[in-house]
Amino acid sequence: MVADGLRALISCGELRVGEHLPTQAQLSERFSVPRGAVRGAVELLEREGLIRRAQQGTPPTVARPDRRPDRQDRREVPGPRRHSPRPAGVFLGERVAQCFRQDEVTIDAYCLNGETLASALAGPLVTVQAEGAGPRRVAVRILLPDAEAPLALPQVIGDLGNTRPRERLRITSDHIYGSLRHSLRMLKVRDLVPDVTVEARKVSITPTQKVYILNGSEVLAGHYQVTERTVDLDRNPIEIYDMLGVEGMLFRHTVVDDDQVTRSYVEQTQQWFDSLWNTIARPMEPN
């Protein structure tokens, strides 16, 4: 938890290259963990190349992960980190929780119905209410498929013209978005977060990937897997082609890696999202 928290602070720019980390006592208090956990996290980040030791008695400083040794130092230095994929339902929740430790939270999501995002936000919202205060600003934008358009998925197997799976998707999306919007707006109503904006728009595109952009500095992305399954439509079991969501895997890409390719990917993903949002996406209001 401490290591992820420090990575998030570096990722969002709160801790910049060359700056000292807070003291172990400060980190222990901030993350509510013993100093031993702090020391272990610092050692891990040092091995990853994110920080480097300073002189005795001085906190470590943030380093560039791909820094190269000079001619006098032939030791191997770690390059940009590679993040292993993890289950969407768990991974997104952990990263969103880290975002809520910052003063400003921005989340852009491109997904099928918002279920994974709603699940990921549940924990941070409870924490904000329990602590009686949250970030200064929370802004959430969600791009969802337009269920009124002739989407490729979901579809009844052998009956492409059957619109009932899309109607089921529309009802599900409306319910999830409506509940999520209400929960986030209540943060402002209860004076827990001064500035809250929540908006959803729909596009006539079948999403084959889910993409989450967190605080403009990291991207979690993964593929939807198409599968056959049985659902109840008008109380009748029907075989459809559908997409796996929460059970899927997410890959993490973050500018903290200090790798130009990864940085470009994060930047291009944000531009891609904005281009959809500002052109063909239409405002969505829950019923």
Protein backbone atom coordinates (compact mmCIF):
# COMPACT_ATOMS: atom_id res chain seq x y z
CA MET A 1 0.00 0.00 0.00
CA VAL A 2 2.80 2.44 0.86
CA ALA A 3 4.72 1.64 -2.32
CA ASP A 4 1.62 2.20 -4.47
CA GLY A 5 0.92 5.44 -2.61
CA LEU A 6 4.41 6.76 -3.25
CA ARG A 7 4.22 5.75 -6.91
CA ALA A 8 0.96 7.69 -7.18
CA LEU A 9 2.54 10.78 -5.58
CA ILE A 10 5.39 10.61 -8.08
CA SER A 11 3.02 9.89 -10.97
CA CYS A 12 0.79 12.91 -10.29
CA GLY A 13 3.77 15.23 -9.81
CA GLU A 14 3.33 15.88 -6.10
CA LEU A 15 6.81 14.38 -5.69
CA ARG A 16 9.11 15.49 -8.51
CA VAL A 17 12.47 14.24 -9.70
CA GLY A 18 15.17 15.46 -7.32
CA GLU A 19 12.83 16.16 -4.41
CA HIS A 20 13.18 14.45 -1.04
CA LEU A 21 10.57 11.99 0.11
CA PRO A 22 8.78 12.80 3.38
CA THR A 23 10.48 11.33 6.46
CA GLN A 24 9.66 7.81 7.58
CA ALA A 25 7.70 9.25 10.50
CA GLN A 26 5.63 11.41 8.15
CA LEU A 27 4.98 8.52 5.76
CA SER A 28 4.08 6.25 8.65
CA GLU A 29 1.49 8.75 9.84
CA ARG A 30 0.18 9.51 6.34
CA PHE A 31 -0.44 5.86 5.42
CA SER A 32 -1.27 4.70 8.97
CA VAL A 33 1.33 1.93 8.92
CA PRO A 34 4.36 1.10 11.09
CA ARG A 35 7.79 2.40 10.09
CA GLY A 36 8.85 -1.10 9.11
CA ALA A 37 6.29 -1.07 6.30
CA VAL A 38 7.61 2.32 5.18
CA ARG A 39 11.20 1.06 5.10
CA GLY A 40 10.12 -1.95 3.03
CA ALA A 41 8.31 0.27 0.53
CA VAL A 42 11.30 2.60 0.22
CA GLU A 43 13.62 -0.34 -0.40
CA LEU A 44 11.24 -1.66 -3.08
CA LEU A 45 11.10 1.69 -4.89
CA GLU A 46 14.87 1.94 -4.70
CA ARG A 47 15.19 -1.46 -6.39
CA GLU A 48 12.74 -0.29 -9.06
CA GLY A 49 14.88 2.78 -9.69
CA LEU A 50 12.21 5.28 -8.69
CA ILE A 51 14.19 6.71 -5.78
CA ARG A 52 17.83 6.87 -4.73
CA ARG A 53 19.47 7.05 -1.35
CA ALA A 54 20.80 10.38 -0.13
CA GLN A 55 23.39 11.00 2.57
CA GLN A 56 22.95 9.41 5.98
CA GLY A 57 20.07 10.91 7.92
CA THR A 58 18.48 12.51 4.84
CA PRO A 59 15.32 11.11 3.15
CA PRO A 60 15.80 9.56 -0.31
CA THR A 61 15.10 11.60 -3.43
CA VAL A 62 12.96 10.86 -6.47
CA ALA A 63 15.06 9.56 -9.36
CA ARG A 64 14.47 8.88 -13.01
CA PRO A 65 13.94 5.13 -13.47
CA ASP A 66 16.03 5.00 -16.64
CA ARG A 67 19.03 7.00 -15.41
CA ARG A 68 22.32 5.57 -16.65
CA PRO A 69 25.52 5.11 -14.65
CA ASP A 70 28.56 7.10 -15.62
CA ARG A 71 31.73 5.49 -16.92
CA GLN A 72 33.00 4.86 -13.39
CA ASP A 73 29.83 2.99 -12.37
CA ARG A 74 29.22 -0.22 -14.30
CA ARG A 75 26.46 -1.55 -12.05
CA GLU A 76 23.18 -2.41 -13.73
CA VAL A 77 20.55 0.26 -13.24
CA PRO A 78 16.85 -0.62 -13.54
CA GLY A 79 15.03 0.70 -16.60
CA PRO A 80 11.35 1.58 -16.92
CA ARG A 81 9.09 -0.71 -14.92
CA ARG A 82 6.69 -3.12 -16.56
CA HIS A 83 3.36 -3.62 -14.81
CA SER A 84 1.79 -7.07 -14.78
CA PRO A 85 -1.88 -7.27 -15.77
CA ARG A 86 -4.33 -7.83 -12.95
CA PRO A 87 -8.09 -8.51 -12.61
CA ALA A 88 -10.10 -5.40 -13.46
CA GLY A 89 -12.35 -5.52 -10.43
CA VAL A 90 -9.39 -5.44 -8.03
CA PHE A 91 -6.84 -3.37 -9.94
CA LEU A 92 -9.09 -0.42 -10.78
CA GLY A 93 -10.31 -0.22 -7.20
CA GLU A 94 -6.76 0.03 -5.86
CA ARG A 95 -5.74 2.71 -8.35
CA VAL A 96 -8.89 4.80 -7.85
CA ALA A 97 -8.33 4.67 -4.09
CA GLN A 98 -4.84 6.10 -4.64
CA CYS A 99 -6.29 8.86 -6.83
CA PHE A 100 -8.56 9.92 -3.98
CA ARG A 101 -5.48 10.67 -1.86
CA GLN A 102 -4.78 13.65 -4.14
CA ASP A 103 -6.35 17.11 -3.94
CA GLU A 104 -7.87 16.71 -7.40
CA VAL A 105 -9.33 13.54 -8.89
CA THR A 106 -10.10 13.17 -12.59
CA ILE A 107 -11.39 9.90 -14.03
CA ASP A 108 -12.22 9.34 -17.69
CA ALA A 109 -13.79 5.97 -18.46
CA TYR A 110 -14.66 4.26 -21.74
CA CYS A 111 -16.55 1.07 -20.99
CA LEU A 112 -19.62 -1.08 -21.60
CA ASN A 113 -21.92 -0.07 -18.73
CA GLY A 114 -19.86 1.49 -15.90
CA GLU A 115 -20.15 -1.50 -13.56
CA THR A 116 -16.42 -1.87 -12.89
CA LEU A 117 -15.98 1.85 -12.29
CA ALA A 118 -18.93 1.99 -9.89
CA SER A 119 -17.45 -0.91 -7.95
CA ALA A 120 -14.02 0.77 -7.86
CA LEU A 121 -15.48 4.01 -6.51
CA ALA A 122 -17.45 2.35 -3.71
CA GLY A 123 -14.47 2.03 -1.35
CA PRO A 124 -13.12 5.60 -1.74
CA LEU A 125 -16.61 7.06 -1.28
CA VAL A 126 -17.02 5.19 1.99
CA THR A 127 -13.58 6.37 3.13
CA VAL A 128 -14.36 10.02 2.34
CA GLN A 129 -17.58 9.83 4.33
CA ALA A 130 -15.87 8.10 7.25
CA GLU A 131 -13.05 10.66 7.37
CA GLY A 132 -15.41 13.61 6.95
CA ALA A 133 -13.38 15.15 4.13
CA GLY A 134 -12.16 14.29 0.67
CA PRO A 135 -10.31 15.78 -2.30
CA ARG A 136 -10.87 19.39 -3.27
CA ARG A 137 -12.26 18.37 -6.67
CA VAL A 138 -13.66 15.21 -8.26
CA ALA A 139 -14.47 15.11 -11.98
CA VAL A 140 -15.75 11.94 -13.67
CA ARG A 141 -16.53 11.49 -17.36
CA ILE A 142 -17.93 8.23 -18.73
CA LEU A 143 -18.27 7.20 -22.37
CA LEU A 144 -20.82 4.43 -22.90
CA PRO A 145 -22.14 2.70 -26.03
CA ASP A 146 -25.42 4.03 -27.39
CA ALA A 147 -27.79 1.10 -26.85
CA GLU A 148 -30.23 2.62 -29.32
CA ALA A 149 -27.69 2.19 -32.13
CA PRO A 150 -27.17 -1.11 -34.03
CA LEU A 151 -24.27 -2.30 -31.87
CA ALA A 152 -22.45 -5.53 -32.68
CA LEU A 153 -22.66 -6.62 -29.03
CA PRO A 154 -24.57 -7.77 -27.11
CA GLN A 155 -26.63 -9.78 -29.62
CA VAL A 156 -28.92 -12.79 -29.67
CA ILE A 157 -27.13 -15.74 -31.25
CA GLY A 158 -28.67 -16.35 -34.67
CA ASP A 159 -30.94 -13.29 -34.52
CA LEU A 160 -29.01 -10.10 -35.28
CA GLY A 161 -32.16 -8.03 -35.54
CA ASN A 162 -33.29 -8.76 -31.98
CA THR A 163 -32.96 -5.53 -30.00
CA ARG A 164 -33.79 -6.92 -26.57
CA PRO A 165 -30.13 -7.40 -25.46
CA ARG A 166 -29.43 -3.75 -26.28
CA GLU A 167 -32.51 -2.65 -24.36
CA ARG A 168 -31.25 -4.69 -21.42
CA LEU A 169 -27.88 -2.94 -21.75
CA ARG A 170 -29.58 0.47 -21.82
CA ILE A 171 -31.54 -0.23 -18.66
CA THR A 172 -28.45 -1.56 -16.87
CA SER A 173 -26.30 1.41 -17.94
CA ASP A 174 -28.96 3.93 -16.91
CA HIS A 175 -29.28 2.33 -13.49
CA ILE A 176 -25.52 2.15 -12.85
CA TYR A 177 -24.86 5.68 -14.05
CA GLY A 178 -27.80 7.12 -12.14
CA SER A 179 -26.67 5.49 -8.91
CA LEU A 180 -23.04 6.51 -9.45
CA ARG A 181 -23.94 10.11 -10.25
CA HIS A 182 -26.12 10.34 -7.15
CA SER A 183 -23.38 8.92 -4.89
CA LEU A 184 -20.73 11.31 -6.20
CA ARG A 185 -22.98 14.36 -6.08
CA MET A 186 -23.81 13.61 -2.45
CA LEU A 187 -20.15 14.29 -1.63
CA LYS A 188 -20.79 17.93 -2.50
CA VAL A 189 -24.19 18.06 -0.86
CA ARG A 190 -22.64 16.86 2.39
CA ASP A 191 -19.76 19.36 2.10
CA LEU A 192 -17.19 16.57 1.82
CA VAL A 193 -15.87 17.60 -1.60
CA PRO A 194 -16.28 21.27 -2.70
CA ASP A 195 -16.31 20.63 -6.46
CA VAL A 196 -17.95 17.56 -8.01
CA THR A 197 -18.83 17.02 -11.68
CA VAL A 198 -20.19 13.77 -13.11
CA GLU A 199 -21.18 13.39 -16.74
CA ALA A 200 -21.84 10.55 -19.16
CA ARG A 201 -22.07 10.59 -22.93
CA LYS A 202 -22.92 7.83 -25.39
CA VAL A 203 -21.35 6.88 -28.70
CA SER A 204 -22.56 4.56 -31.44
CA ILE A 205 -19.55 2.28 -31.03
CA THR A 206 -19.32 -1.22 -29.61
CA PRO A 207 -16.44 -1.09 -27.09
CA THR A 208 -13.94 -3.92 -27.56
CA GLN A 209 -11.73 -2.48 -24.81
CA LYS A 210 -12.28 -0.80 -21.48
CA VAL A 211 -10.07 2.21 -20.81
CA TYR A 212 -9.67 4.26 -17.62
CA ILE A 213 -7.55 7.43 -17.48
CA LEU A 214 -6.75 8.42 -13.90
CA ASN A 215 -5.59 11.94 -13.01
CA GLY A 216 -4.29 12.33 -16.54
CA SER A 217 -1.16 10.40 -15.61
CA GLU A 218 -1.98 6.72 -15.89
CA VAL A 219 -4.07 4.47 -18.08
CA LEU A 220 -5.63 1.16 -17.15
CA ALA A 221 -6.78 -0.69 -20.26
CA GLY A 222 -7.94 -4.18 -21.08
CA HIS A 223 -9.80 -6.23 -23.67
CA TYR A 224 -13.39 -7.35 -23.46
CA GLN A 225 -13.64 -11.07 -24.10
CA VAL A 226 -16.68 -12.08 -26.19
CA THR A 227 -18.47 -15.08 -24.74
CA GLU A 228 -21.68 -17.06 -25.09
CA ARG A 229 -24.03 -16.99 -22.14
CA THR A 230 -27.67 -17.38 -21.20
CA VAL A 231 -29.66 -14.40 -19.93
CA ASP A 232 -33.30 -13.88 -19.04
CA LEU A 233 -35.04 -11.53 -21.46
CA ASP A 234 -38.71 -10.99 -20.70
CA ARG A 235 -38.52 -14.01 -18.40
CA ASN A 236 -37.28 -16.22 -21.23
CA PRO A 237 -33.74 -17.70 -21.21
CA ILE A 238 -31.96 -16.67 -24.40
CA GLU A 239 -28.45 -17.41 -25.66
CA ILE A 240 -26.50 -14.25 -26.47
CA TYR A 241 -23.02 -13.11 -27.33
CA ASP A 242 -21.88 -10.82 -24.53
CA MET A 243 -18.65 -9.34 -23.12
CA LEU A 244 -16.81 -10.14 -19.92
CA GLY A 245 -16.16 -7.05 -17.81
CA VAL A 246 -15.18 -7.24 -14.13
CA GLU A 247 -13.56 -10.64 -14.68
CA GLY A 248 -11.23 -9.28 -17.38
CA MET A 249 -7.64 -8.12 -16.95
CA LEU A 250 -6.27 -4.58 -16.98
CA PHE A 251 -2.82 -3.38 -18.03
CA ARG A 252 -1.37 -0.29 -16.37
CA HIS A 253 0.58 2.41 -18.22
CA THR A 254 1.88 5.38 -16.27
CA VAL A 255 4.07 8.41 -16.96
CA VAL A 256 6.02 7.66 -13.78
CA ASP A 257 7.86 5.03 -15.80
CA ASP A 258 9.70 7.92 -17.49
CA ASP A 259 9.62 5.95 -20.74
CA GLN A 260 8.88 8.10 -23.79
CA VAL A 261 6.81 5.41 -25.49
CA THR A 262 4.65 4.95 -22.39
CA ARG A 263 4.32 8.69 -21.86
CA SER A 264 3.20 9.08 -25.46
CA TYR A 265 0.69 6.28 -25.03
CA VAL A 266 -0.87 7.97 -22.00
CA GLU A 267 -0.99 11.32 -23.80
CA GLN A 268 -2.47 9.82 -26.98
CA THR A 269 -5.07 7.89 -25.00
CA GLN A 270 -6.22 11.11 -23.34
CA GLN A 271 -6.40 12.84 -26.73
CA TRP A 272 -8.36 9.88 -28.16
CA PHE A 273 -10.88 10.05 -25.31
CA ASP A 274 -11.25 13.81 -25.66
CA SER A 275 -11.76 13.51 -29.42
CA LEU A 276 -14.70 11.14 -28.94
CA TRP A 277 -16.11 13.19 -26.09
CA ASN A 278 -16.00 16.46 -28.00
CA THR A 279 -17.26 15.23 -31.39
CA ILE A 280 -19.63 12.30 -31.86
CA ALA A 281 -20.59 11.62 -28.24
CA ARG A 282 -24.08 12.68 -27.18
CA PRO A 283 -25.10 13.69 -23.65
CA MET A 284 -26.72 10.94 -21.59
CA GLU A 285 -29.18 11.45 -18.79
CA PRO A 286 -30.43 8.58 -16.64
CA ASN A 287 -34.15 7.89 -16.68
